[in-house]
PDB file of N, CA and C in Angstrom:
ATOM      1  N   UNK A   1      -2.092 -11.456 -14.541  1.00  0.00           N
ATOM      2  CA  UNK A   1      -1.462 -11.998 -13.339  1.00  0.00           C
ATOM      3  C   UNK A   1      -2.477 -11.907 -12.201  1.00  0.00           C
ATOM      4  N   UNK A   2      -3.260 -12.949 -12.006  1.00  0.00           N
ATOM      5  CA  UNK A   2      -4.237 -12.914 -10.919  1.00  0.00           C
ATOM      6  C   UNK A   2      -3.742 -13.629  -9.680  1.00  0.00           C
ATOM      7  N   UNK A   3      -2.465 -13.947  -9.661  1.00  0.00           N
ATOM      8  CA  UNK A   3      -1.838 -14.476  -8.450  1.00  0.00           C
ATOM      9  C   UNK A   3      -0.423 -13.911  -8.372  1.00  0.00           C
ATOM     10  N   UNK A   4       0.092 -13.910  -7.165  1.00  0.00           N
ATOM     11  CA  UNK A   4       1.446 -13.385  -6.948  1.00  0.00           C
ATOM     12  C   UNK A   4       2.452 -14.523  -6.928  1.00  0.00           C
ATOM     13  N   UNK A   5       3.654 -14.292  -7.454  1.00  0.00           N
ATOM     14  CA  UNK A   5       4.710 -15.293  -7.301  1.00  0.00           C
ATOM     15  C   UNK A   5       5.042 -15.480  -5.821  1.00  0.00           C
ATOM     16  N   UNK A   6       5.728 -16.529  -5.507  1.00  0.00           N
ATOM     17  CA  UNK A   6       6.060 -16.814  -4.114  1.00  0.00           C
ATOM     18  C   UNK A   6       6.852 -15.679  -3.461  1.00  0.00           C
ATOM     19  N   UNK A   7       7.772 -15.103  -4.184  1.00  0.00           N
ATOM     20  CA  UNK A   7       8.570 -13.981  -3.665  1.00  0.00           C
ATOM     21  C   UNK A   7       8.393 -12.790  -4.610  1.00  0.00           C
ATOM     22  N   UNK A   8       7.274 -12.078  -4.498  1.00  0.00           N
ATOM     23  CA  UNK A   8       6.977 -11.008  -5.454  1.00  0.00           C
ATOM     24  C   UNK A   8       7.863  -9.787  -5.274  1.00  0.00           C
ATOM     25  N   UNK A   9       8.127  -9.134  -6.389  1.00  0.00           N
ATOM     26  CA  UNK A   9       8.811  -7.847  -6.379  1.00  0.00           C
ATOM     27  C   UNK A   9       7.740  -6.756  -6.292  1.00  0.00           C
ATOM     28  N   UNK A  10       8.157  -5.518  -6.133  1.00  0.00           N
ATOM     29  CA  UNK A  10       7.183  -4.429  -6.165  1.00  0.00           C
ATOM     30  C   UNK A  10       6.486  -4.373  -7.521  1.00  0.00           C
ATOM     31  N   UNK A  11       7.226  -4.639  -8.596  1.00  0.00           N
ATOM     32  CA  UNK A  11       6.617  -4.672  -9.931  1.00  0.00           C
ATOM     33  C   UNK A  11       5.532  -5.747 -10.005  1.00  0.00           C
ATOM     34  N   UNK A  12       5.788  -6.894  -9.388  1.00  0.00           N
ATOM     35  CA  UNK A  12       4.785  -7.960  -9.353  1.00  0.00           C
ATOM     36  C   UNK A  12       3.526  -7.491  -8.631  1.00  0.00           C
ATOM     37  N   UNK A  13       3.707  -6.803  -7.503  1.00  0.00           N
ATOM     38  CA  UNK A  13       2.555  -6.272  -6.773  1.00  0.00           C
ATOM     39  C   UNK A  13       1.785  -5.273  -7.636  1.00  0.00           C
ATOM     40  N   UNK A  14       2.516  -4.437  -8.366  1.00  0.00           N
ATOM     41  CA  UNK A  14       1.847  -3.442  -9.208  1.00  0.00           C
ATOM     42  C   UNK A  14       1.060  -4.109 -10.335  1.00  0.00           C
ATOM     43  N   UNK A  15       1.619  -5.132 -10.958  1.00  0.00           N
ATOM     44  CA  UNK A  15       0.903  -5.859 -12.011  1.00  0.00           C
ATOM     45  C   UNK A  15      -0.314  -6.571 -11.434  1.00  0.00           C
ATOM     46  N   UNK A  16      -0.133  -7.194 -10.291  1.00  0.00           N
ATOM     47  CA  UNK A  16      -1.232  -7.902  -9.624  1.00  0.00           C
ATOM     48  C   UNK A  16      -2.372  -6.944  -9.303  1.00  0.00           C
ATOM     49  N   UNK A  17      -2.030  -5.797  -8.781  1.00  0.00           N
ATOM     50  CA  UNK A  17      -3.040  -4.817  -8.385  1.00  0.00           C
ATOM     51  C   UNK A  17      -3.847  -4.339  -9.586  1.00  0.00           C
ATOM     52  N   UNK A  18      -3.201  -4.156 -10.716  1.00  0.00           N
ATOM     53  CA  UNK A  18      -3.917  -3.747 -11.938  1.00  0.00           C
ATOM     54  C   UNK A  18      -4.981  -4.782 -12.295  1.00  0.00           C
ATOM     55  N   UNK A  19      -4.593  -6.051 -12.291  1.00  0.00           N
ATOM     56  CA  UNK A  19      -5.539  -7.117 -12.627  1.00  0.00           C
ATOM     57  C   UNK A  19      -6.675  -7.221 -11.609  1.00  0.00           C
ATOM     58  N   UNK A  20      -6.336  -7.154 -10.355  1.00  0.00           N
ATOM     59  CA  UNK A  20      -7.353  -7.266  -9.298  1.00  0.00           C
ATOM     60  C   UNK A  20      -8.343  -6.109  -9.381  1.00  0.00           C
ATOM     61  N   UNK A  21      -7.848  -4.913  -9.617  1.00  0.00           N
ATOM     62  CA  UNK A  21      -8.740  -3.751  -9.711  1.00  0.00           C
ATOM     63  C   UNK A  21      -9.687  -3.879 -10.899  1.00  0.00           C
ATOM     64  N   UNK A  22      -9.192  -4.395 -12.007  1.00  0.00           N
ATOM     65  CA  UNK A  22     -10.066  -4.623 -13.165  1.00  0.00           C
ATOM     66  C   UNK A  22     -11.159  -5.624 -12.824  1.00  0.00           C
ATOM     67  N   UNK A  23     -10.772  -6.726 -12.211  1.00  0.00           N
ATOM     68  CA  UNK A  23     -11.736  -7.778 -11.878  1.00  0.00           C
ATOM     69  C   UNK A  23     -12.771  -7.317 -10.859  1.00  0.00           C
ATOM     70  N   UNK A  24     -12.357  -6.454  -9.950  1.00  0.00           N
ATOM     71  CA  UNK A  24     -13.265  -5.989  -8.887  1.00  0.00           C
ATOM     72  C   UNK A  24     -13.984  -4.696  -9.256  1.00  0.00           C
ATOM     73  N   UNK A  25     -13.661  -4.132 -10.416  1.00  0.00           N
ATOM     74  CA  UNK A  25     -14.333  -2.928 -10.868  1.00  0.00           C
ATOM     75  C   UNK A  25     -13.833  -1.635 -10.252  1.00  0.00           C
ATOM     76  N   UNK A  26     -12.573  -1.633  -9.818  1.00  0.00           N
ATOM     77  CA  UNK A  26     -12.004  -0.449  -9.166  1.00  0.00           C
ATOM     78  C   UNK A  26     -11.069   0.355 -10.062  1.00  0.00           C
ATOM     79  N   UNK A  27     -10.925  -0.020 -11.322  1.00  0.00           N
ATOM     80  CA  UNK A  27      -9.926   0.631 -12.165  1.00  0.00           C
ATOM     81  C   UNK A  27     -10.260   2.075 -12.500  1.00  0.00           C
ATOM     82  N   UNK A  28     -11.509   2.475 -12.338  1.00  0.00           N
ATOM     83  CA  UNK A  28     -11.893   3.840 -12.697  1.00  0.00           C
ATOM     84  C   UNK A  28     -11.979   4.803 -11.511  1.00  0.00           C
ATOM     85  N   UNK A  29     -11.499   4.375 -10.352  1.00  0.00           N
ATOM     86  CA  UNK A  29     -11.511   5.276  -9.201  1.00  0.00           C
ATOM     87  C   UNK A  29     -10.598   6.463  -9.478  1.00  0.00           C
ATOM     88  N   UNK A  30     -11.030   7.640  -9.043  1.00  0.00           N
ATOM     89  CA  UNK A  30     -10.198   8.826  -9.236  1.00  0.00           C
ATOM     90  C   UNK A  30      -9.023   8.804  -8.259  1.00  0.00           C
ATOM     91  N   UNK A  31      -8.014   9.561  -8.583  1.00  0.00           N
ATOM     92  CA  UNK A  31      -6.843   9.659  -7.708  1.00  0.00           C
ATOM     93  C   UNK A  31      -7.228  10.218  -6.347  1.00  0.00           C
ATOM     94  N   UNK A  32      -8.111  11.211  -6.338  1.00  0.00           N
ATOM     95  CA  UNK A  32      -8.506  11.801  -5.054  1.00  0.00           C
ATOM     96  C   UNK A  32      -9.314  10.801  -4.220  1.00  0.00           C
ATOM     97  N   UNK A  33     -10.160   9.987  -4.867  1.00  0.00           N
ATOM     98  CA  UNK A  33     -10.881   8.948  -4.128  1.00  0.00           C
ATOM     99  C   UNK A  33      -9.914   7.922  -3.548  1.00  0.00           C
ATOM    100  N   UNK A  34      -8.915   7.555  -4.327  1.00  0.00           N
ATOM    101  CA  UNK A  34      -7.922   6.596  -3.831  1.00  0.00           C
ATOM    102  C   UNK A  34      -7.184   7.155  -2.628  1.00  0.00           C
ATOM    103  N   UNK A  35      -6.832   8.423  -2.690  1.00  0.00           N
ATOM    104  CA  UNK A  35      -6.142   9.026  -1.552  1.00  0.00           C
ATOM    105  C   UNK A  35      -7.044   9.035  -0.320  1.00  0.00           C
ATOM    106  N   UNK A  36      -8.319   9.337  -0.506  1.00  0.00           N
ATOM    107  CA  UNK A  36      -9.257   9.318   0.619  1.00  0.00           C
ATOM    108  C   UNK A  36      -9.357   7.913   1.206  1.00  0.00           C
ATOM    109  N   UNK A  37      -9.409   6.902   0.332  1.00  0.00           N
ATOM    110  CA  UNK A  37      -9.454   5.516   0.820  1.00  0.00           C
ATOM    111  C   UNK A  37      -8.173   5.168   1.581  1.00  0.00           C
ATOM    112  N   UNK A  38      -7.029   5.634   1.079  1.00  0.00           N
ATOM    113  CA  UNK A  38      -5.761   5.389   1.771  1.00  0.00           C
ATOM    114  C   UNK A  38      -5.798   5.979   3.174  1.00  0.00           C
ATOM    115  N   UNK A  39      -6.264   7.206   3.289  1.00  0.00           N
ATOM    116  CA  UNK A  39      -6.338   7.863   4.599  1.00  0.00           C
ATOM    117  C   UNK A  39      -7.257   7.069   5.531  1.00  0.00           C
ATOM    118  N   UNK A  40      -8.380   6.592   5.006  1.00  0.00           N
ATOM    119  CA  UNK A  40      -9.293   5.778   5.806  1.00  0.00           C
ATOM    120  C   UNK A  40      -8.599   4.506   6.297  1.00  0.00           C
ATOM    121  N   UNK A  41      -7.847   3.865   5.403  1.00  0.00           N
ATOM    122  CA  UNK A  41      -7.155   2.632   5.785  1.00  0.00           C
ATOM    123  C   UNK A  41      -6.054   2.902   6.811  1.00  0.00           C
ATOM    124  N   UNK A  42      -5.359   4.031   6.674  1.00  0.00           N
ATOM    125  CA  UNK A  42      -4.349   4.387   7.676  1.00  0.00           C
ATOM    126  C   UNK A  42      -5.031   4.600   9.027  1.00  0.00           C
ATOM    127  N   UNK A  43      -6.210   5.219   9.012  1.00  0.00           N
ATOM    128  CA  UNK A  43      -6.975   5.395  10.244  1.00  0.00           C
ATOM    129  C   UNK A  43      -7.351   4.057  10.862  1.00  0.00           C
ATOM    130  N   UNK A  44      -7.759   3.108  10.025  1.00  0.00           N
ATOM    131  CA  UNK A  44      -8.102   1.778  10.535  1.00  0.00           C
ATOM    132  C   UNK A  44      -6.878   1.075  11.108  1.00  0.00           C
ATOM    133  N   UNK A  45      -5.720   1.276  10.483  1.00  0.00           N
ATOM    134  CA  UNK A  45      -4.476   0.715  11.013  1.00  0.00           C
ATOM    135  C   UNK A  45      -4.141   1.346  12.359  1.00  0.00           C
ATOM    136  N   UNK A  46      -4.305   2.652  12.463  1.00  0.00           N
ATOM    137  CA  UNK A  46      -4.038   3.345  13.731  1.00  0.00           C
ATOM    138  C   UNK A  46      -4.967   2.831  14.826  1.00  0.00           C
ATOM    139  N   UNK A  47      -6.233   2.678  14.486  1.00  0.00           N
ATOM    140  CA  UNK A  47      -7.211   2.183  15.462  1.00  0.00           C
ATOM    141  C   UNK A  47      -6.874   0.751  15.897  1.00  0.00           C
ATOM    142  N   UNK A  48      -6.527  -0.096  14.945  1.00  0.00           N
ATOM    143  CA  UNK A  48      -6.166  -1.476  15.284  1.00  0.00           C
ATOM    144  C   UNK A  48      -4.917  -1.515  16.150  1.00  0.00           C
ATOM    145  N   UNK A  49      -3.961  -0.622  15.873  1.00  0.00           N
ATOM    146  CA  UNK A  49      -2.733  -0.564  16.668  1.00  0.00           C
ATOM    147  C   UNK A  49      -3.036  -0.164  18.112  1.00  0.00           C
ATOM    148  N   UNK A  50      -3.892   0.857  18.271  1.00  0.00           N
ATOM    149  CA  UNK A  50      -4.276   1.272  19.621  1.00  0.00           C
ATOM    150  C   UNK A  50      -4.972   0.137  20.364  1.00  0.00           C
ATOM    151  N   UNK A  51      -5.884  -0.537  19.680  1.00  0.00           N
ATOM    152  CA  UNK A  51      -6.617  -1.630  20.310  1.00  0.00           C
ATOM    153  C   UNK A  51      -5.709  -2.819  20.604  1.00  0.00           C
ATOM    154  N   UNK A  52      -4.706  -3.032  19.760  1.00  0.00           N
ATOM    155  CA  UNK A  52      -3.730  -4.090  19.999  1.00  0.00           C
ATOM    156  C   UNK A  52      -2.984  -3.828  21.306  1.00  0.00           C
ATOM    157  N   UNK A  53      -2.594  -2.569  21.497  1.00  0.00           N
ATOM    158  CA  UNK A  53      -1.876  -2.194  22.722  1.00  0.00           C
ATOM    159  C   UNK A  53      -2.723  -2.447  23.973  1.00  0.00           C
ATOM    160  N   UNK A  54      -4.037  -2.404  23.810  1.00  0.00           N
ATOM    161  CA  UNK A  54      -4.952  -2.649  24.938  1.00  0.00           C
ATOM    162  C   UNK A  54      -5.393  -4.104  25.013  1.00  0.00           C
ATOM    163  N   UNK A  55      -4.851  -4.945  24.136  1.00  0.00           N
ATOM    164  CA  UNK A  55      -5.206  -6.355  24.134  1.00  0.00           C
ATOM    165  C   UNK A  55      -6.535  -6.674  23.466  1.00  0.00           C
ATOM    166  N   UNK A  56      -7.069  -5.720  22.698  1.00  0.00           N
ATOM    167  CA  UNK A  56      -8.380  -5.915  22.065  1.00  0.00           C
ATOM    168  C   UNK A  56      -8.286  -6.286  20.585  1.00  0.00           C
ATOM    169  N   UNK A  57      -7.101  -6.275  20.017  1.00  0.00           N
ATOM    170  CA  UNK A  57      -6.879  -6.679  18.627  1.00  0.00           C
ATOM    171  C   UNK A  57      -5.665  -7.600  18.586  1.00  0.00           C
ATOM    172  N   UNK A  58      -5.559  -8.369  17.522  1.00  0.00           N
ATOM    173  CA  UNK A  58      -4.454  -9.320  17.386  1.00  0.00           C
ATOM    174  C   UNK A  58      -3.423  -8.812  16.376  1.00  0.00           C
ATOM    175  N   UNK A  59      -2.300  -9.482  16.337  1.00  0.00           N
ATOM    176  CA  UNK A  59      -1.280  -9.165  15.348  1.00  0.00           C
ATOM    177  C   UNK A  59      -1.849  -9.350  13.944  1.00  0.00           C
ATOM    178  N   UNK A  60      -2.701 -10.342  13.762  1.00  0.00           N
ATOM    179  CA  UNK A  60      -3.315 -10.573  12.448  1.00  0.00           C
ATOM    180  C   UNK A  60      -4.163  -9.375  12.026  1.00  0.00           C
ATOM    181  N   UNK A  61      -4.861  -8.745  12.975  1.00  0.00           N
ATOM    182  CA  UNK A  61      -5.630  -7.538  12.650  1.00  0.00           C
ATOM    183  C   UNK A  61      -4.715  -6.446  12.113  1.00  0.00           C
ATOM    184  N   UNK A  62      -3.559  -6.296  12.722  1.00  0.00           N
ATOM    185  CA  UNK A  62      -2.572  -5.301  12.274  1.00  0.00           C
ATOM    186  C   UNK A  62      -2.086  -5.673  10.874  1.00  0.00           C
ATOM    187  N   UNK A  63      -1.769  -6.943  10.670  1.00  0.00           N
ATOM    188  CA  UNK A  63      -1.292  -7.399   9.359  1.00  0.00           C
ATOM    189  C   UNK A  63      -2.301  -7.084   8.255  1.00  0.00           C
ATOM    190  N   UNK A  64      -3.560  -7.362   8.513  1.00  0.00           N
ATOM    191  CA  UNK A  64      -4.594  -7.145   7.497  1.00  0.00           C
ATOM    192  C   UNK A  64      -4.766  -5.660   7.172  1.00  0.00           C
ATOM    193  N   UNK A  65      -4.743  -4.818   8.189  1.00  0.00           N
ATOM    194  CA  UNK A  65      -4.863  -3.376   7.949  1.00  0.00           C
ATOM    195  C   UNK A  65      -3.629  -2.839   7.228  1.00  0.00           C
ATOM    196  N   UNK A  66      -2.474  -3.343   7.602  1.00  0.00           N
ATOM    197  CA  UNK A  66      -1.235  -2.931   6.932  1.00  0.00           C
ATOM    198  C   UNK A  66      -1.261  -3.327   5.456  1.00  0.00           C
ATOM    199  N   UNK A  67      -1.784  -4.511   5.170  1.00  0.00           N
ATOM    200  CA  UNK A  67      -1.908  -4.951   3.776  1.00  0.00           C
ATOM    201  C   UNK A  67      -2.846  -4.029   2.997  1.00  0.00           C
ATOM    202  N   UNK A  68      -3.945  -3.600   3.625  1.00  0.00           N
ATOM    203  CA  UNK A  68      -4.858  -2.664   2.964  1.00  0.00           C
ATOM    204  C   UNK A  68      -4.149  -1.360   2.611  1.00  0.00           C
ATOM    205  N   UNK A  69      -3.371  -0.838   3.543  1.00  0.00           N
ATOM    206  CA  UNK A  69      -2.621   0.401   3.298  1.00  0.00           C
ATOM    207  C   UNK A  69      -1.658   0.199   2.131  1.00  0.00           C
ATOM    208  N   UNK A  70      -0.947  -0.909   2.137  1.00  0.00           N
ATOM    209  CA  UNK A  70       0.007  -1.202   1.067  1.00  0.00           C
ATOM    210  C   UNK A  70      -0.692  -1.282  -0.284  1.00  0.00           C
ATOM    211  N   UNK A  71      -1.828  -1.968  -0.333  1.00  0.00           N
ATOM    212  CA  UNK A  71      -2.553  -2.098  -1.600  1.00  0.00           C
ATOM    213  C   UNK A  71      -2.992  -0.743  -2.143  1.00  0.00           C
ATOM    214  N   UNK A  72      -3.436   0.145  -1.262  1.00  0.00           N
ATOM    215  CA  UNK A  72      -3.821   1.468  -1.743  1.00  0.00           C
ATOM    216  C   UNK A  72      -2.607   2.274  -2.207  1.00  0.00           C
ATOM    217  N   UNK A  73      -1.472   2.118  -1.551  1.00  0.00           N
ATOM    218  CA  UNK A  73      -0.251   2.786  -2.019  1.00  0.00           C
ATOM    219  C   UNK A  73       0.128   2.294  -3.414  1.00  0.00           C
ATOM    220  N   UNK A  74       0.041   0.982  -3.617  1.00  0.00           N
ATOM    221  CA  UNK A  74       0.347   0.406  -4.921  1.00  0.00           C
ATOM    222  C   UNK A  74      -0.643   0.915  -5.968  1.00  0.00           C
ATOM    223  N   UNK A  75      -1.924   0.954  -5.613  1.00  0.00           N
ATOM    224  CA  UNK A  75      -2.953   1.423  -6.540  1.00  0.00           C
ATOM    225  C   UNK A  75      -2.697   2.885  -6.921  1.00  0.00           C
ATOM    226  N   UNK A  76      -2.352   3.710  -5.952  1.00  0.00           N
ATOM    227  CA  UNK A  76      -2.056   5.123  -6.229  1.00  0.00           C
ATOM    228  C   UNK A  76      -0.828   5.249  -7.131  1.00  0.00           C
ATOM    229  N   UNK A  77       0.211   4.467  -6.852  1.00  0.00           N
ATOM    230  CA  UNK A  77       1.400   4.491  -7.719  1.00  0.00           C
ATOM    231  C   UNK A  77       1.008   4.154  -9.155  1.00  0.00           C
ATOM    232  N   UNK A  78       0.171   3.143  -9.315  1.00  0.00           N
ATOM    233  CA  UNK A  78      -0.270   2.765 -10.661  1.00  0.00           C
ATOM    234  C   UNK A  78      -1.081   3.873 -11.319  1.00  0.00           C
ATOM    235  N   UNK A  79      -1.940   4.534 -10.556  1.00  0.00           N
ATOM    236  CA  UNK A  79      -2.770   5.608 -11.118  1.00  0.00           C
ATOM    237  C   UNK A  79      -1.921   6.751 -11.655  1.00  0.00           C
ATOM    238  N   UNK A  80      -0.764   6.977 -11.039  1.00  0.00           N
ATOM    239  CA  UNK A  80       0.142   8.032 -11.478  1.00  0.00           C
ATOM    240  C   UNK A  80       1.228   7.502 -12.415  1.00  0.00           C
ATOM    241  N   UNK A  81       1.116   6.218 -12.787  1.00  0.00           N
ATOM    242  CA  UNK A  81       2.095   5.576 -13.658  1.00  0.00           C
ATOM    243  C   UNK A  81       3.504   5.706 -13.082  1.00  0.00           C
ATOM    244  N   UNK A  82       3.625   5.377 -11.811  1.00  0.00           N
ATOM    245  CA  UNK A  82       4.902   5.452 -11.103  1.00  0.00           C
ATOM    246  C   UNK A  82       5.412   4.045 -10.838  1.00  0.00           C
ATOM    247  N   UNK A  83       6.662   3.810 -11.179  1.00  0.00           N
ATOM    248  CA  UNK A  83       7.332   2.567 -10.831  1.00  0.00           C
ATOM    249  C   UNK A  83       7.699   2.684  -9.351  1.00  0.00           C
ATOM    250  N   UNK A  84       6.994   1.935  -8.512  1.00  0.00           N
ATOM    251  CA  UNK A  84       7.144   2.069  -7.059  1.00  0.00           C
ATOM    252  C   UNK A  84       8.572   1.763  -6.609  1.00  0.00           C
ATOM    253  N   UNK A  85       9.168   0.726  -7.175  1.00  0.00           N
ATOM    254  CA  UNK A  85      10.536   0.376  -6.793  1.00  0.00           C
ATOM    255  C   UNK A  85      11.502   1.496  -7.161  1.00  0.00           C
ATOM    256  N   UNK A  86      11.354   2.024  -8.358  1.00  0.00           N
ATOM    257  CA  UNK A  86      12.229   3.115  -8.793  1.00  0.00           C
ATOM    258  C   UNK A  86      12.053   4.339  -7.892  1.00  0.00           C
ATOM    259  N   UNK A  87      10.812   4.650  -7.547  1.00  0.00           N
ATOM    260  CA  UNK A  87      10.542   5.788  -6.657  1.00  0.00           C
ATOM    261  C   UNK A  87      11.195   5.573  -5.295  1.00  0.00           C
ATOM    262  N   UNK A  88      11.093   4.342  -4.786  1.00  0.00           N
ATOM    263  CA  UNK A  88      11.701   4.019  -3.495  1.00  0.00           C
ATOM    264  C   UNK A  88      13.215   4.208  -3.543  1.00  0.00           C
ATOM    265  N   UNK A  89      13.815   3.695  -4.601  1.00  0.00           N
ATOM    266  CA  UNK A  89      15.273   3.808  -4.731  1.00  0.00           C
ATOM    267  C   UNK A  89      15.716   5.270  -4.844  1.00  0.00           C
ATOM    268  N   UNK A  90      14.972   6.072  -5.619  1.00  0.00           N
ATOM    269  CA  UNK A  90      15.287   7.500  -5.733  1.00  0.00           C
ATOM    270  C   UNK A  90      15.217   8.178  -4.373  1.00  0.00           C
ATOM    271  N   UNK A  91      14.162   7.889  -3.638  1.00  0.00           N
ATOM    272  CA  UNK A  91      13.981   8.523  -2.328  1.00  0.00           C
ATOM    273  C   UNK A  91      15.081   8.104  -1.364  1.00  0.00           C
ATOM    274  N   UNK A  92      15.495   6.849  -1.423  1.00  0.00           N
ATOM    275  CA  UNK A  92      16.572   6.400  -0.537  1.00  0.00           C
ATOM    276  C   UNK A  92      17.889   7.096  -0.861  1.00  0.00           C
ATOM    277  N   UNK A  93      18.132   7.400  -2.128  1.00  0.00           N
ATOM    278  CA  UNK A  93      19.336   8.163  -2.492  1.00  0.00           C
ATOM    279  C   UNK A  93      19.279   9.558  -1.864  1.00  0.00           C
ATOM    280  N   UNK A  94      18.105  10.169  -1.863  1.00  0.00           N
ATOM    281  CA  UNK A  94      17.929  11.475  -1.207  1.00  0.00           C
ATOM    282  C   UNK A  94      18.153  11.322   0.294  1.00  0.00           C
ATOM    283  N   UNK A  95      17.569  10.273   0.874  1.00  0.00           N
ATOM    284  CA  UNK A  95      17.700  10.057   2.319  1.00  0.00           C
ATOM    285  C   UNK A  95      19.145   9.849   2.756  1.00  0.00           C
ATOM    286  N   UNK A  96      19.953   9.262   1.892  1.00  0.00           N
ATOM    287  CA  UNK A  96      21.364   9.027   2.228  1.00  0.00           C
ATOM    288  C   UNK A  96      22.128  10.330   2.397  1.00  0.00           C
ATOM    289  N   UNK A  97      21.633  11.409   1.827  1.00  0.00           N
ATOM    290  CA  UNK A  97      22.321  12.699   1.941  1.00  0.00           C
ATOM    291  C   UNK A  97      21.835  13.504   3.136  1.00  0.00           C
ATOM    292  N   UNK A  98      20.783  13.037   3.799  1.00  0.00           N
ATOM    293  CA  UNK A  98      20.218  13.777   4.933  1.00  0.00           C
ATOM    294  C   UNK A  98      20.979  13.460   6.216  1.00  0.00           C
ATOM    295  N   UNK A  99      20.922  14.403   7.126  1.00  0.00           N
ATOM    296  CA  UNK A  99      21.495  14.208   8.441  1.00  0.00           C
ATOM    297  C   UNK A  99      20.364  13.763   9.372  1.00  0.00           C
ATOM    298  N   UNK A 100      20.524  12.587   9.944  1.00  0.00           N
ATOM    299  CA  UNK A 100      19.480  12.001  10.803  1.00  0.00           C
ATOM    300  C   UNK A 100      19.913  12.146  12.262  1.00  0.00           C
ATOM    301  N   UNK A 101      18.990  12.509  13.104  1.00  0.00           N
ATOM    302  CA  UNK A 101      19.309  12.655  14.532  1.00  0.00           C
ATOM    303  C   UNK A 101      19.035  11.386  15.269  1.00  0.00           C
TER     304      UNK A 101
END
């Protein structure tokens, strides 16, 4: 699957990411390296957000950084053999029992 369907599911994103990582040579990255890359991308998103607030970045800059963060989350889920949708649903069931202020 080297392209995404028009309305992809999380499973579609996970399958897509596996193929893309193989093609780009990223399939052998360690879990700790992936986490470090995720942190770097979150930092870039934070920086773009700050600059956006000052009028120095655009909404598109935010979108692109957010997509990078998402891709690394998907890649990490795949590295741990985690069904991202299932994990999300489990966590939301836990969240429903919490008291939110």
